[in-house]
């Protein structure tokens, strides 16, 4: 598999270097030189495939022989050990539950696949690899769980102080061993800026082997495309109807993964980008002007992103001339944004109507799904429910006015001791910490 930078398509990079480097030297993002359509043979066996088999077929098509089949099958089998079930609300509304992995969030799919892939590429290296990851909530917990005790790999997680839920914070800060947490006095965008600057620091990268586990790394994005196929496979029993995916969006890696699946042949009618008041992309889809702004704290904290990294990939995917990039993107992606008050109202409405509990991110997505279906009554829509509601226990119980069940692996975190290093959002301090 050959990749190029969104800032320099002429610069080609093989898969292993792109994965281990994380970010191109020019501060662009890696994109596959080719996103191939899956062959007829895939679709013939597709209805009977398991999730690991789907993962193998999709990644094999993308990797184009870069990893031997036997090794790639093993990577998929070890990474994809939990389900992604589709829950039917009614004949139009479906929920793809992506919270059945170790950290109870969709990012377990990408983090575990990436950990297996990096471990495979790192097996003969003589120097440890340091993974840097910025998190607005769920990424850090998934990466911590995915890379925990992986030989030859150290993990440094940066998260904004006071802007993740208490249980999310415990997932980041209680593992120890090869996982360290930095509590940054700032926003997620500050954390992400520190990580990006580290990759561009030649002095630092000469002394340390660095990589990223954010969705800026292509190894996170590829496995997130697997569950779009898995959801559609489950819907085959519901008949053939135009199908749209609704994606609660922050850094837009999840939505971009859906675009990859679409180009590989999955019949996706539209992608719906659902955001909170950090609505940079919905505003772009309306105006054609991309205007990043400082992020604001909301109930759906994992979506509190003011300058989504993966927008560069989205632009590249839909690239054209004379304004056609914008026109191409808004033809296939619809954007909706909602306030915290609307989020809370939706959580109560969905529980009352369907006896189904959404987390705040899923509630933003459900609101967008309703708006979409109002204009597309003949379509069905699949909401990506990205995290278990218990990860936001205090807010969910306050909003619904009753207690909810907490999975054992979350409840066990309550009595564990948080271990985190406080950090200012100043790069020289971050660099000094890494070198020490």
Protein backbone atom coordinates (compact mmCIF):
# COMPACT_ATOMS: atom_id res chain seq x y z
CA UNK A 1 0.00 0.00 0.00
CA UNK A 2 1.35 3.39 -1.01
CA UNK A 3 0.18 6.63 0.58
CA UNK A 4 0.72 10.30 -0.13
CA UNK A 5 0.44 13.53 1.85
CA UNK A 6 -2.63 15.71 1.41
CA UNK A 7 -0.17 18.59 1.05
CA UNK A 8 2.10 16.92 -1.48
CA UNK A 9 0.56 14.15 -3.63
CA UNK A 10 3.90 13.57 -5.36
CA UNK A 11 5.58 12.37 -2.16
CA UNK A 12 4.89 8.62 -1.85
CA UNK A 13 5.24 6.63 1.38
CA UNK A 14 4.81 2.88 2.01
CA UNK A 15 2.30 1.66 4.59
CA UNK A 16 4.74 0.69 7.35
CA UNK A 17 6.51 4.06 7.34
CA UNK A 18 3.22 5.98 7.19
CA UNK A 19 1.78 4.03 10.12
CA UNK A 20 4.86 4.31 12.29
CA UNK A 21 5.48 7.95 11.43
CA UNK A 22 1.82 8.95 11.90
CA UNK A 23 2.11 12.34 10.22
CA UNK A 24 3.96 13.34 7.02
CA UNK A 25 6.92 15.73 7.46
CA UNK A 26 4.96 18.49 5.70
CA UNK A 27 2.18 18.39 8.35
CA UNK A 28 -0.37 17.00 5.91
CA UNK A 29 -2.22 13.72 6.41
CA UNK A 30 -1.60 10.41 4.72
CA UNK A 31 -4.12 9.26 2.11
CA UNK A 32 -4.13 5.96 0.18
CA UNK A 33 -2.89 6.32 -3.38
CA UNK A 34 -5.74 3.99 -4.32
CA UNK A 35 -8.99 3.09 -2.58
CA UNK A 36 -10.04 0.10 -4.69
CA UNK A 37 -13.55 -1.22 -5.24
CA UNK A 38 -14.04 -4.62 -3.65
CA UNK A 39 -14.31 -7.50 -6.15
CA UNK A 40 -17.49 -9.36 -7.05
CA UNK A 41 -16.28 -12.37 -5.06
CA UNK A 42 -16.43 -10.28 -1.87
CA UNK A 43 -20.08 -9.35 -2.35
CA UNK A 44 -21.03 -12.94 -3.13
CA UNK A 45 -19.86 -14.13 0.30
CA UNK A 46 -20.52 -10.86 2.14
CA UNK A 47 -23.89 -11.86 3.75
CA UNK A 48 -22.27 -14.76 5.65
CA UNK A 49 -19.05 -13.00 6.71
CA UNK A 50 -18.00 -12.42 10.30
CA UNK A 51 -16.59 -9.04 11.36
CA UNK A 52 -12.95 -10.32 11.37
CA UNK A 53 -13.51 -11.75 7.87
CA UNK A 54 -14.86 -8.38 6.69
CA UNK A 55 -11.87 -6.66 8.27
CA UNK A 56 -9.48 -9.01 6.52
CA UNK A 57 -11.13 -8.57 3.11
CA UNK A 58 -11.27 -4.77 3.33
CA UNK A 59 -7.73 -4.33 4.68
CA UNK A 60 -6.35 -6.84 2.17
CA UNK A 61 -7.84 -4.84 -0.70
CA UNK A 62 -6.34 -1.63 0.67
CA UNK A 63 -2.94 -3.05 1.65
CA UNK A 64 -2.50 -4.76 -1.75
CA UNK A 65 -0.20 -7.53 -0.55
CA UNK A 66 1.91 -5.39 1.77
CA UNK A 67 1.23 -7.81 4.65
CA UNK A 68 1.03 -11.58 3.98
CA UNK A 69 -2.51 -12.96 4.18
CA UNK A 70 -1.79 -15.22 7.14
CA UNK A 71 -0.34 -12.37 9.19
CA UNK A 72 -3.16 -9.99 8.25
CA UNK A 73 -5.82 -12.57 9.18
CA UNK A 74 -4.16 -12.90 12.59
CA UNK A 75 -4.12 -9.13 13.10
CA UNK A 76 -7.85 -8.89 12.32
CA UNK A 77 -8.76 -11.90 14.43
CA UNK A 78 -6.88 -10.61 17.49
CA UNK A 79 -8.13 -7.04 17.14
CA UNK A 80 -11.81 -7.63 16.36
CA UNK A 81 -12.91 -9.76 19.29
CA UNK A 82 -16.19 -7.95 20.11
CA UNK A 83 -19.42 -7.36 18.14
CA UNK A 84 -20.95 -4.31 16.46
CA UNK A 85 -24.69 -5.08 16.66
CA UNK A 86 -27.40 -3.06 14.91
CA UNK A 87 -30.39 -2.23 17.13
CA UNK A 88 -33.68 -1.48 15.35
CA UNK A 89 -35.74 1.38 16.76
CA UNK A 90 -38.36 1.38 13.99
CA UNK A 91 -38.55 0.74 10.23
CA UNK A 92 -36.48 3.84 9.46
CA UNK A 93 -34.20 4.26 12.47
CA UNK A 94 -31.37 1.94 13.44
CA UNK A 95 -28.52 2.24 15.95
CA UNK A 96 -25.10 0.69 15.32
CA UNK A 97 -23.76 0.01 18.80
CA UNK A 98 -20.00 0.53 18.76
CA UNK A 99 -19.42 0.37 22.52
CA UNK A 100 -18.97 -3.33 23.17
CA UNK A 101 -15.15 -3.24 23.23
CA UNK A 102 -12.75 -2.92 26.21
CA UNK A 103 -13.13 0.85 26.71
CA UNK A 104 -16.85 0.92 25.74
CA UNK A 105 -16.28 3.27 22.78
CA UNK A 106 -16.06 2.99 19.01
CA UNK A 107 -12.39 3.86 19.10
CA UNK A 108 -11.60 0.37 20.41
CA UNK A 109 -11.86 -0.87 16.81
CA UNK A 110 -9.18 1.49 15.56
CA UNK A 111 -6.96 1.36 18.64
CA UNK A 112 -6.77 -2.44 18.81
CA UNK A 113 -6.16 -2.82 15.07
CA UNK A 114 -3.50 -0.12 15.20
CA UNK A 115 -1.81 -1.74 18.21
CA UNK A 116 -1.62 -5.06 16.35
CA UNK A 117 -0.35 -3.37 13.19
CA UNK A 118 2.29 -1.31 14.97
CA UNK A 119 3.43 -4.29 16.99
CA UNK A 120 3.82 -6.20 13.72
CA UNK A 121 5.87 -3.43 12.09
CA UNK A 122 7.87 -2.84 15.29
CA UNK A 123 8.82 -6.48 15.88
CA UNK A 124 12.43 -6.14 14.69
CA UNK A 125 13.08 -2.55 15.82
CA UNK A 126 15.95 -1.90 18.20
CA UNK A 127 14.43 1.22 19.79
CA UNK A 128 11.16 1.71 21.67
CA UNK A 129 8.32 3.53 19.91
CA UNK A 130 6.50 6.34 21.73
CA UNK A 131 2.84 6.85 20.83
CA UNK A 132 1.54 10.39 21.32
CA UNK A 133 -2.22 10.80 21.45
CA UNK A 134 -4.46 13.78 22.14
CA UNK A 135 -7.93 12.95 23.41
CA UNK A 136 -11.18 14.80 23.99
CA UNK A 137 -12.57 11.76 25.77
CA UNK A 138 -12.82 8.30 24.22
CA UNK A 139 -9.64 8.07 22.13
CA UNK A 140 -7.38 8.04 25.17
CA UNK A 141 -9.20 5.20 26.90
CA UNK A 142 -9.28 3.09 23.76
CA UNK A 143 -5.60 3.67 23.02
CA UNK A 144 -4.65 2.99 26.65
CA UNK A 145 -6.51 -0.32 26.56
CA UNK A 146 -5.33 -1.23 23.07
CA UNK A 147 -1.61 -0.65 23.69
CA UNK A 148 -1.46 -1.64 27.37
CA UNK A 149 1.64 -3.77 28.01
CA UNK A 150 2.49 -3.95 24.29
CA UNK A 151 6.24 -4.75 24.17
CA UNK A 152 8.46 -2.01 22.76
CA UNK A 153 5.74 0.67 22.78
CA UNK A 154 5.26 3.53 25.25
CA UNK A 155 2.06 5.63 25.24
CA UNK A 156 1.69 9.29 26.25
CA UNK A 157 -1.91 10.55 26.39
CA UNK A 158 -2.70 14.28 26.50
CA UNK A 159 -6.17 15.31 27.67
CA UNK A 160 -7.75 18.70 28.55
CA UNK A 161 -8.13 19.21 32.29
CA UNK A 162 -11.73 19.21 33.46
CA UNK A 163 -13.12 18.50 30.00
CA UNK A 164 -13.52 14.72 30.06
CA UNK A 165 -16.01 12.77 32.19
CA UNK A 166 -14.79 11.31 35.52
CA UNK A 167 -14.96 7.72 34.23
CA UNK A 168 -13.24 8.66 30.97
CA UNK A 169 -10.44 10.24 33.01
CA UNK A 170 -10.05 7.10 35.11
CA UNK A 171 -9.67 5.04 31.90
CA UNK A 172 -6.76 7.29 30.87
CA UNK A 173 -4.98 7.60 34.18
CA UNK A 174 -5.16 4.31 36.09
CA UNK A 175 -3.45 1.69 33.93
CA UNK A 176 0.19 2.63 34.46
CA UNK A 177 2.91 0.32 33.09
CA UNK A 178 3.63 1.68 29.57
CA UNK A 179 0.74 4.21 29.59
CA UNK A 180 1.27 7.76 30.92
CA UNK A 181 -1.27 10.59 31.08
CA UNK A 182 -0.71 14.35 30.80
CA UNK A 183 -3.48 16.59 32.13
CA UNK A 184 -3.20 19.73 29.99
CA UNK A 185 -4.46 23.09 31.22
CA UNK A 186 -6.29 23.91 27.98
CA UNK A 187 -8.60 22.52 25.29
CA UNK A 188 -8.44 19.45 23.09
CA UNK A 189 -7.17 21.68 20.29
CA UNK A 190 -4.24 22.66 22.53
CA UNK A 191 -3.47 18.98 23.12
CA UNK A 192 -3.66 18.22 19.42
CA UNK A 193 -1.39 21.16 18.58
CA UNK A 194 1.28 19.89 21.01
CA UNK A 195 1.22 16.44 19.38
CA UNK A 196 1.45 17.84 15.86
CA UNK A 197 4.32 20.15 16.79
CA UNK A 198 6.24 17.24 18.29
CA UNK A 199 6.10 15.35 14.99
CA UNK A 200 7.49 18.37 13.13
CA UNK A 201 10.37 18.88 15.61
CA UNK A 202 13.46 17.43 13.89
CA UNK A 203 15.57 17.55 17.04
CA UNK A 204 12.97 15.54 18.94
CA UNK A 205 12.32 13.00 16.19
CA UNK A 206 16.06 12.34 15.86
CA UNK A 207 16.19 11.34 19.53
CA UNK A 208 12.86 9.49 19.80
CA UNK A 209 10.77 7.24 17.56
CA UNK A 210 7.35 8.90 17.59
CA UNK A 211 3.98 7.92 16.19
CA UNK A 212 0.38 8.95 16.69
CA UNK A 213 -2.75 7.03 17.65
CA UNK A 214 -5.19 9.82 16.82
CA UNK A 215 -7.32 9.59 13.71
CA UNK A 216 -4.59 11.57 11.97
CA UNK A 217 -2.91 8.12 11.72
CA UNK A 218 -4.20 6.13 8.75
CA UNK A 219 -4.02 2.93 10.82
CA UNK A 220 -6.88 4.26 12.98
CA UNK A 221 -9.05 5.18 10.03
CA UNK A 222 -8.91 1.92 8.07
CA UNK A 223 -10.44 -0.38 10.73
CA UNK A 224 -13.20 2.16 11.39
CA UNK A 225 -14.44 1.44 7.88
CA UNK A 226 -15.02 -2.23 8.80
CA UNK A 227 -18.14 -1.64 10.88
CA UNK A 228 -19.91 0.27 8.11
CA UNK A 229 -19.78 -2.96 6.11
CA UNK A 230 -20.83 -4.96 9.18
CA UNK A 231 -23.86 -2.71 9.77
CA UNK A 232 -24.98 -2.95 6.16
CA UNK A 233 -24.54 -6.73 6.24
CA UNK A 234 -26.93 -6.94 9.18
CA UNK A 235 -29.45 -4.72 7.38
CA UNK A 236 -29.64 -7.05 4.38
CA UNK A 237 -32.34 -8.99 6.23
CA UNK A 238 -34.40 -5.78 6.40
CA UNK A 239 -34.64 -5.45 2.61
CA UNK A 240 -32.97 -3.23 0.02
CA UNK A 241 -33.55 0.47 0.73
CA UNK A 242 -31.40 3.60 0.36
CA UNK A 243 -29.21 3.64 3.47
CA UNK A 244 -27.63 6.67 5.12
CA UNK A 245 -25.17 6.71 8.03
CA UNK A 246 -25.41 9.39 10.71
CA UNK A 247 -22.11 10.11 12.44
CA UNK A 248 -21.63 12.13 15.65
CA UNK A 249 -18.50 14.02 14.62
CA UNK A 250 -15.59 15.79 16.28
CA UNK A 251 -12.28 15.22 14.49
CA UNK A 252 -14.20 13.59 11.58
CA UNK A 253 -12.12 10.41 11.40
CA UNK A 254 -15.21 8.22 11.79
CA UNK A 255 -17.03 9.94 8.95
CA UNK A 256 -13.94 9.81 6.72
CA UNK A 257 -13.75 6.06 7.32
CA UNK A 258 -17.31 5.84 6.01
CA UNK A 259 -16.23 7.67 2.86
CA UNK A 260 -13.52 5.04 2.36
CA UNK A 261 -16.17 2.30 2.66
CA UNK A 262 -18.37 4.09 0.17
CA UNK A 263 -15.59 4.32 -2.41
CA UNK A 264 -14.88 0.62 -1.94
CA UNK A 265 -18.42 -0.11 -3.11
CA UNK A 266 -20.64 0.01 -0.03
CA UNK A 267 -23.97 1.53 -1.20
CA UNK A 268 -24.17 4.52 1.16
CA UNK A 269 -26.77 7.06 0.07
CA UNK A 270 -25.53 9.96 2.22
CA UNK A 271 -23.25 10.63 5.17
CA UNK A 272 -24.74 12.90 7.85
CA UNK A 273 -22.29 14.88 9.99
CA UNK A 274 -23.86 15.60 13.38
CA UNK A 275 -22.05 18.06 15.63
CA UNK A 276 -22.68 20.06 18.78
CA UNK A 277 -22.16 23.85 18.79
CA UNK A 278 -18.58 23.21 17.55
CA UNK A 279 -20.07 23.28 14.06
CA UNK A 280 -17.15 24.13 11.78
CA UNK A 281 -18.01 21.50 9.15
CA UNK A 282 -21.81 22.04 9.04
CA UNK A 283 -21.11 25.77 8.54
CA UNK A 284 -18.66 24.94 5.75
CA UNK A 285 -21.23 22.73 4.02
CA UNK A 286 -23.65 25.67 4.00
CA UNK A 287 -21.27 28.47 3.07
CA UNK A 288 -18.26 26.93 1.34
CA UNK A 289 -15.96 28.70 3.79
CA UNK A 290 -13.88 26.68 6.25
CA UNK A 291 -13.41 28.83 9.36
CA UNK A 292 -11.86 27.06 12.38
CA UNK A 293 -12.63 28.56 15.76
CA UNK A 294 -11.75 27.82 19.40
CA UNK A 295 -13.70 24.84 20.70
CA UNK A 296 -16.37 25.22 23.37
CA UNK A 297 -17.15 22.74 26.10
CA UNK A 298 -20.40 20.77 25.73
CA UNK A 299 -22.15 17.67 27.08
CA UNK A 300 -20.84 15.73 24.07
CA UNK A 301 -17.22 16.43 24.97
CA UNK A 302 -15.58 14.06 22.47
CA UNK A 303 -16.95 16.32 19.73
CA UNK A 304 -15.56 19.54 21.19
CA UNK A 305 -13.19 20.19 18.30
CA UNK A 306 -12.79 23.58 16.65
CA UNK A 307 -10.41 22.58 13.84
CA UNK A 308 -11.06 18.96 12.79
CA UNK A 309 -7.87 17.30 11.53
CA UNK A 310 -9.62 15.00 9.08
CA UNK A 311 -11.21 17.87 7.17
CA UNK A 312 -7.99 17.83 5.11
CA UNK A 313 -8.75 14.23 4.09
CA UNK A 314 -12.36 15.10 3.31
CA UNK A 315 -11.23 17.96 1.06
CA UNK A 316 -8.75 15.66 -0.65
CA UNK A 317 -11.39 12.96 -1.13
CA UNK A 318 -13.76 15.39 -2.85
CA UNK A 319 -11.06 17.51 -4.50
CA UNK A 320 -11.95 19.41 -7.65
CA UNK A 321 -11.42 22.74 -9.36
CA UNK A 322 -13.34 26.04 -9.45
CA UNK A 323 -15.21 25.37 -6.21
CA UNK A 324 -16.25 21.85 -7.11
CA UNK A 325 -14.67 20.43 -3.92
CA UNK A 326 -17.35 22.13 -1.86
CA UNK A 327 -20.11 21.15 -4.27
CA UNK A 328 -18.92 17.52 -4.34
CA UNK A 329 -18.76 17.35 -0.55
CA UNK A 330 -22.18 18.84 0.13
CA UNK A 331 -23.74 16.55 -2.46
CA UNK A 332 -22.75 13.54 -0.36
CA UNK A 333 -22.51 14.94 3.20
CA UNK A 334 -25.23 16.79 5.10
CA UNK A 335 -24.39 18.68 8.27
CA UNK A 336 -26.49 19.39 11.35
CA UNK A 337 -25.53 21.01 14.67
CA UNK A 338 -27.34 21.09 18.03
CA UNK A 339 -27.12 22.70 21.46
CA UNK A 340 -26.81 20.99 24.83
CA UNK A 341 -30.45 21.81 25.55
CA UNK A 342 -31.51 20.01 22.37
CA UNK A 343 -29.22 17.10 23.27
CA UNK A 344 -30.86 16.69 26.68
CA UNK A 345 -34.34 16.94 25.19
CA UNK A 346 -33.51 14.25 22.63
CA UNK A 347 -32.15 11.85 25.26
CA UNK A 348 -35.43 12.08 27.18
CA UNK A 349 -37.55 11.75 24.03
CA UNK A 350 -35.72 8.64 22.78
CA UNK A 351 -35.97 6.88 26.14
CA UNK A 352 -39.67 7.66 26.37
CA UNK A 353 -40.45 6.60 22.80
CA UNK A 354 -38.18 3.56 22.42
CA UNK A 355 -37.06 2.75 26.00
CA UNK A 356 -33.53 3.15 24.62
CA UNK A 357 -30.79 5.15 26.36
CA UNK A 358 -28.43 7.23 24.23
CA UNK A 359 -25.24 8.89 25.39
CA UNK A 360 -24.97 12.66 24.66
CA UNK A 361 -23.04 12.08 21.43
CA UNK A 362 -25.59 9.59 20.18
CA UNK A 363 -28.37 12.04 21.06
CA UNK A 364 -26.81 14.69 18.82
CA UNK A 365 -26.70 12.06 16.07
CA UNK A 366 -30.31 10.99 16.66
CA UNK A 367 -31.50 14.59 16.33
CA UNK A 368 -29.68 14.85 13.00
CA UNK A 369 -31.13 11.49 11.91
CA UNK A 370 -34.66 12.75 12.55
CA UNK A 371 -33.98 15.91 10.56
CA UNK A 372 -32.58 13.87 7.67
CA UNK A 373 -35.46 11.38 7.59
CA UNK A 374 -38.02 14.20 7.61
CA UNK A 375 -36.70 15.14 4.16
CA UNK A 376 -36.02 11.55 2.99
CA UNK A 377 -39.05 9.51 4.13
CA UNK A 378 -38.27 6.56 1.85
CA UNK A 379 -34.77 6.08 3.27
CA UNK A 380 -33.46 4.29 6.37
CA UNK A 381 -30.74 5.72 8.56
CA UNK A 382 -28.15 4.13 10.82
CA UNK A 383 -26.92 6.15 13.79
CA UNK A 384 -23.40 5.36 14.99
CA UNK A 385 -23.73 5.19 18.78
CA UNK A 386 -20.14 5.81 19.66
CA UNK A 387 -19.97 5.29 23.43
CA UNK A 388 -21.82 3.56 26.26
CA UNK A 389 -24.03 6.05 28.15
CA UNK A 390 -22.50 4.98 31.46
CA UNK A 391 -19.25 6.71 30.42
CA UNK A 392 -21.15 9.95 31.02
CA UNK A 393 -22.90 8.68 34.12
CA UNK A 394 -23.44 11.92 36.04
CA UNK A 395 -24.92 13.79 33.07
CA UNK A 396 -27.02 10.87 31.80
CA UNK A 397 -28.56 10.17 35.21
CA UNK A 398 -29.24 13.88 35.78
CA UNK A 399 -30.90 14.27 32.38
CA UNK A 400 -33.01 11.10 32.59
CA UNK A 401 -33.68 11.54 36.31
CA UNK A 402 -32.94 7.94 37.24
CA UNK A 403 -29.99 5.61 37.74
CA UNK A 404 -28.64 3.56 34.83
CA UNK A 405 -26.70 0.32 34.82
CA UNK A 406 -22.91 0.64 34.85
CA UNK A 407 -20.89 -2.17 33.21
CA UNK A 408 -18.54 -3.90 35.65
CA UNK A 409 -15.38 -2.82 33.83
CA UNK A 410 -16.41 0.82 34.28
CA UNK A 411 -17.68 0.48 37.83
CA UNK A 412 -14.35 -1.05 38.89
CA UNK A 413 -12.55 2.17 37.94
CA UNK A 414 -14.25 4.26 40.61
CA UNK A 415 -11.93 3.12 43.39
CA UNK A 416 -8.73 3.31 41.36
CA UNK A 417 -6.27 6.16 41.87
CA UNK A 418 -5.76 8.72 39.13
CA UNK A 419 -2.12 9.22 38.13
CA UNK A 420 -1.49 12.14 35.76
CA UNK A 421 1.15 14.80 35.22
CA UNK A 422 -0.16 18.36 35.01
CA UNK A 423 1.07 20.21 31.94
CA UNK A 424 0.75 23.72 30.49
CA UNK A 425 -0.12 23.94 26.77
CA UNK A 426 3.41 25.24 26.08
CA UNK A 427 5.42 23.18 23.61
CA UNK A 428 8.84 23.65 25.23
CA UNK A 429 7.48 22.17 28.47
CA UNK A 430 5.96 19.23 26.62
CA UNK A 431 9.21 18.60 24.74
CA UNK A 432 11.20 18.75 27.99
CA UNK A 433 8.85 16.16 29.49
CA UNK A 434 9.27 13.79 26.55
CA UNK A 435 13.06 14.06 26.55
CA UNK A 436 13.22 13.48 30.29
